[in-house]
Amino acid sequence: MLCLLLLPFHLILGLLFLPFILLRAVFKLLAAMILLPIVLAVAFVGLLIGGLAISFAVLLPLLPFALLALFIWAIVKLVAHPAAT
């Protein structure tokens, strides 16, 4: 009952504060338009760094095996084709 009694005052105050509510929405939209590209760029760089970190975390333990395979390949290549003297 009290809600219905105060409804006209609520509507009048709502109409009085409408420009300020719209102004707040405009400022929020403006801030979002300015900050969104910056946030997206930082997120992209973060994802790129994270991807590189994961790649190094996976590939770095395999480095000794890759070097071992390289040395075996080099030895086989030297033995298969001896240098001309």
N, C-alpha and C. Protein backbone atom coordinates (compact mmCIF):
# COMPACT_ATOMS: atom_id res chain seq x y z
N MET A 1 0.82 -1.19 0.00
CA MET A 1 0.00 0.00 0.00
C MET A 1 0.87 1.25 0.00
N LEU A 2 1.94 1.20 0.79
CA LEU A 2 2.84 2.35 0.86
C LEU A 2 3.51 2.58 -0.49
N CYS A 3 3.79 1.48 -1.19
CA CYS A 3 4.41 1.59 -2.51
C CYS A 3 3.50 2.37 -3.46
N LEU A 4 2.24 2.06 -3.44
CA LEU A 4 1.30 2.77 -4.31
C LEU A 4 1.15 4.22 -3.90
N LEU A 5 1.24 4.50 -2.62
CA LEU A 5 1.13 5.86 -2.13
C LEU A 5 2.33 6.70 -2.55
N LEU A 6 3.50 6.10 -2.55
CA LEU A 6 4.73 6.83 -2.90
C LEU A 6 5.06 6.76 -4.38
N LEU A 7 4.26 6.07 -5.18
CA LEU A 7 4.54 5.92 -6.60
C LEU A 7 4.65 7.24 -7.35
N PRO A 8 3.81 8.22 -7.13
CA PRO A 8 3.98 9.49 -7.86
C PRO A 8 5.32 10.17 -7.54
N PHE A 9 5.73 10.12 -6.29
CA PHE A 9 7.01 10.72 -5.92
C PHE A 9 8.17 9.95 -6.56
N HIS A 10 8.02 8.66 -6.59
CA HIS A 10 9.05 7.83 -7.22
C HIS A 10 9.17 8.15 -8.72
N LEU A 11 8.04 8.30 -9.39
CA LEU A 11 8.05 8.63 -10.82
C LEU A 11 8.63 10.02 -11.06
N ILE A 12 8.28 10.98 -10.24
CA ILE A 12 8.80 12.35 -10.41
C ILE A 12 10.30 12.38 -10.19
N LEU A 13 10.75 11.72 -9.12
CA LEU A 13 12.19 11.69 -8.86
C LEU A 13 12.93 10.92 -9.95
N GLY A 14 12.29 9.88 -10.47
CA GLY A 14 12.90 9.14 -11.57
C GLY A 14 13.08 9.99 -12.81
N LEU A 15 12.07 10.82 -13.09
CA LEU A 15 12.17 11.73 -14.24
C LEU A 15 13.19 12.82 -14.00
N LEU A 16 13.35 13.25 -12.75
CA LEU A 16 14.34 14.28 -12.45
C LEU A 16 15.77 13.74 -12.59
N PHE A 17 15.95 12.49 -12.20
CA PHE A 17 17.29 11.91 -12.26
C PHE A 17 17.59 11.23 -13.59
N LEU A 18 16.65 11.20 -14.51
CA LEU A 18 16.87 10.55 -15.81
C LEU A 18 18.05 11.14 -16.58
N PRO A 19 18.21 12.46 -16.65
CA PRO A 19 19.39 12.98 -17.38
C PRO A 19 20.71 12.53 -16.76
N PHE A 20 20.75 12.45 -15.43
CA PHE A 20 21.99 12.03 -14.78
C PHE A 20 22.26 10.54 -15.02
N ILE A 21 21.21 9.75 -15.07
CA ILE A 21 21.37 8.33 -15.37
C ILE A 21 21.86 8.14 -16.80
N LEU A 22 21.30 8.92 -17.73
CA LEU A 22 21.75 8.84 -19.12
C LEU A 22 23.19 9.33 -19.26
N LEU A 23 23.54 10.37 -18.52
CA LEU A 23 24.90 10.90 -18.56
C LEU A 23 25.89 9.86 -18.02
N ARG A 24 25.50 9.16 -16.96
CA ARG A 24 26.35 8.11 -16.42
C ARG A 24 26.53 6.99 -17.45
N ALA A 25 25.47 6.65 -18.15
CA ALA A 25 25.56 5.62 -19.18
C ALA A 25 26.47 6.06 -20.32
N VAL A 26 26.40 7.33 -20.70
CA VAL A 26 27.27 7.85 -21.77
C VAL A 26 28.73 7.79 -21.34
N PHE A 27 29.00 8.18 -20.09
CA PHE A 27 30.39 8.14 -19.62
C PHE A 27 30.91 6.70 -19.52
N LYS A 28 30.06 5.78 -19.11
CA LYS A 28 30.48 4.39 -19.07
C LYS A 28 30.76 3.85 -20.47
N LEU A 29 29.92 4.22 -21.43
CA LEU A 29 30.13 3.79 -22.81
C LEU A 29 31.41 4.38 -23.37
N LEU A 30 31.67 5.66 -23.07
CA LEU A 30 32.89 6.31 -23.54
C LEU A 30 34.12 5.64 -22.92
N ALA A 31 34.05 5.35 -21.63
CA ALA A 31 35.18 4.68 -20.97
C ALA A 31 35.40 3.29 -21.57
N ALA A 32 34.32 2.59 -21.86
CA ALA A 32 34.45 1.26 -22.46
C ALA A 32 35.06 1.36 -23.86
N MET A 33 34.67 2.36 -24.62
CA MET A 33 35.23 2.51 -25.97
C MET A 33 36.71 2.85 -25.93
N ILE A 34 37.14 3.56 -24.89
CA ILE A 34 38.55 3.91 -24.78
C ILE A 34 39.36 2.74 -24.24
N LEU A 35 38.83 2.06 -23.24
CA LEU A 35 39.61 1.02 -22.57
C LEU A 35 39.55 -0.34 -23.24
N LEU A 36 38.51 -0.62 -23.99
CA LEU A 36 38.37 -1.94 -24.59
C LEU A 36 39.52 -2.31 -25.53
N PRO A 37 39.95 -1.43 -26.43
CA PRO A 37 41.10 -1.82 -27.28
C PRO A 37 42.38 -2.06 -26.48
N ILE A 38 42.57 -1.28 -25.42
CA ILE A 38 43.76 -1.46 -24.59
C ILE A 38 43.70 -2.80 -23.88
N VAL A 39 42.54 -3.11 -23.31
CA VAL A 39 42.38 -4.37 -22.61
C VAL A 39 42.54 -5.55 -23.57
N LEU A 40 42.00 -5.45 -24.76
CA LEU A 40 42.13 -6.53 -25.74
C LEU A 40 43.59 -6.72 -26.17
N ALA A 41 44.32 -5.60 -26.34
CA ALA A 41 45.73 -5.70 -26.73
C ALA A 41 46.54 -6.36 -25.62
N VAL A 42 46.29 -5.97 -24.38
CA VAL A 42 47.01 -6.56 -23.25
C VAL A 42 46.67 -8.04 -23.13
N ALA A 43 45.40 -8.39 -23.34
CA ALA A 43 45.00 -9.79 -23.27
C ALA A 43 45.67 -10.60 -24.37
N PHE A 44 45.77 -10.03 -25.57
CA PHE A 44 46.42 -10.73 -26.68
C PHE A 44 47.90 -10.96 -26.39
N VAL A 45 48.57 -9.95 -25.85
CA VAL A 45 49.98 -10.10 -25.51
C VAL A 45 50.14 -11.14 -24.41
N GLY A 46 49.25 -11.14 -23.44
CA GLY A 46 49.30 -12.13 -22.37
C GLY A 46 49.11 -13.54 -22.89
N LEU A 47 48.16 -13.72 -23.80
CA LEU A 47 47.94 -15.03 -24.39
C LEU A 47 49.14 -15.46 -25.22
N LEU A 48 49.75 -14.53 -25.93
CA LEU A 48 50.94 -14.84 -26.72
C LEU A 48 52.09 -15.28 -25.83
N ILE A 49 52.31 -14.55 -24.74
CA ILE A 49 53.38 -14.92 -23.81
C ILE A 49 53.07 -16.26 -23.16
N GLY A 50 51.82 -16.47 -22.81
CA GLY A 50 51.43 -17.75 -22.22
C GLY A 50 51.63 -18.91 -23.19
N GLY A 51 51.30 -18.69 -24.45
CA GLY A 51 51.51 -19.72 -25.46
C GLY A 51 52.99 -20.04 -25.65
N LEU A 52 53.82 -19.01 -25.65
CA LEU A 52 55.26 -19.25 -25.75
C LEU A 52 55.79 -19.99 -24.53
N ALA A 53 55.29 -19.63 -23.35
CA ALA A 53 55.74 -20.30 -22.13
C ALA A 53 55.34 -21.77 -22.15
N ILE A 54 54.13 -22.07 -22.59
CA ILE A 54 53.70 -23.47 -22.67
C ILE A 54 54.53 -24.22 -23.71
N SER A 55 54.81 -23.56 -24.84
CA SER A 55 55.63 -24.21 -25.87
C SER A 55 57.02 -24.53 -25.34
N PHE A 56 57.63 -23.57 -24.65
CA PHE A 56 58.95 -23.84 -24.08
C PHE A 56 58.89 -24.91 -23.01
N ALA A 57 57.83 -24.92 -22.22
CA ALA A 57 57.70 -25.92 -21.16
C ALA A 57 57.57 -27.32 -21.75
N VAL A 58 56.97 -27.43 -22.92
CA VAL A 58 56.82 -28.75 -23.55
C VAL A 58 58.08 -29.12 -24.33
N LEU A 59 58.66 -28.16 -25.05
CA LEU A 59 59.78 -28.48 -25.94
C LEU A 59 61.13 -28.51 -25.24
N LEU A 60 61.31 -27.78 -24.18
CA LEU A 60 62.61 -27.72 -23.52
C LEU A 60 63.06 -29.07 -22.97
N PRO A 61 62.19 -29.86 -22.35
CA PRO A 61 62.65 -31.20 -21.91
C PRO A 61 63.02 -32.12 -23.08
N LEU A 62 62.52 -31.87 -24.27
CA LEU A 62 62.85 -32.70 -25.43
C LEU A 62 64.16 -32.30 -26.10
N LEU A 63 64.76 -31.20 -25.66
CA LEU A 63 65.99 -30.70 -26.28
C LEU A 63 67.15 -31.70 -26.21
N PRO A 64 67.40 -32.38 -25.10
CA PRO A 64 68.50 -33.37 -25.11
C PRO A 64 68.30 -34.47 -26.15
N PHE A 65 67.08 -34.93 -26.32
CA PHE A 65 66.82 -35.96 -27.33
C PHE A 65 67.05 -35.42 -28.74
N ALA A 66 66.67 -34.18 -28.96
CA ALA A 66 66.91 -33.57 -30.28
C ALA A 66 68.40 -33.43 -30.55
N LEU A 67 69.17 -33.02 -29.54
CA LEU A 67 70.62 -32.92 -29.72
C LEU A 67 71.25 -34.28 -29.94
N LEU A 68 70.78 -35.28 -29.21
CA LEU A 68 71.28 -36.64 -29.41
C LEU A 68 71.00 -37.12 -30.83
N ALA A 69 69.80 -36.87 -31.33
CA ALA A 69 69.46 -37.25 -32.71
C ALA A 69 70.33 -36.48 -33.71
N LEU A 70 70.61 -35.21 -33.44
CA LEU A 70 71.46 -34.42 -34.33
C LEU A 70 72.88 -34.98 -34.36
N PHE A 71 73.40 -35.33 -33.20
CA PHE A 71 74.76 -35.89 -33.16
C PHE A 71 74.83 -37.23 -33.87
N ILE A 72 73.84 -38.08 -33.68
CA ILE A 72 73.82 -39.37 -34.37
C ILE A 72 73.73 -39.17 -35.87
N TRP A 73 72.89 -38.24 -36.30
CA TRP A 73 72.77 -37.93 -37.74
C TRP A 73 74.10 -37.44 -38.30
N ALA A 74 74.79 -36.57 -37.55
CA ALA A 74 76.07 -36.03 -38.03
C ALA A 74 77.12 -37.14 -38.11
N ILE A 75 77.13 -38.03 -37.13
CA ILE A 75 78.11 -39.12 -37.16
C ILE A 75 77.82 -40.06 -38.32
N VAL A 76 76.56 -40.41 -38.54
CA VAL A 76 76.20 -41.29 -39.64
C VAL A 76 76.55 -40.63 -40.97
N LYS A 77 76.33 -39.34 -41.10
CA LYS A 77 76.64 -38.64 -42.34
C LYS A 77 78.15 -38.63 -42.59
N LEU A 78 78.94 -38.43 -41.52
CA LEU A 78 80.39 -38.46 -41.69
C LEU A 78 80.92 -39.83 -42.04
N VAL A 79 80.34 -40.87 -41.45
CA VAL A 79 80.81 -42.24 -41.72
C VAL A 79 80.36 -42.68 -43.11
N ALA A 80 79.18 -42.30 -43.54
CA ALA A 80 78.66 -42.74 -44.82
C ALA A 80 79.43 -42.11 -45.99
N HIS A 81 79.83 -40.86 -45.84
CA HIS A 81 80.57 -40.16 -46.89
C HIS A 81 81.89 -39.69 -46.32
N PRO A 82 82.92 -40.52 -46.38
CA PRO A 82 84.22 -40.08 -45.82
C PRO A 82 84.80 -38.95 -46.67
N ALA A 83 85.55 -38.12 -46.01
CA ALA A 83 86.14 -36.97 -46.70
C ALA A 83 87.20 -37.43 -47.71
N ALA A 84 87.23 -36.78 -48.86
CA ALA A 84 88.20 -37.14 -49.89
C ALA A 84 89.57 -36.59 -49.51
N THR A 85 90.59 -37.49 -49.56
CA THR A 85 91.94 -37.06 -49.21
C THR A 85 92.87 -37.14 -50.38
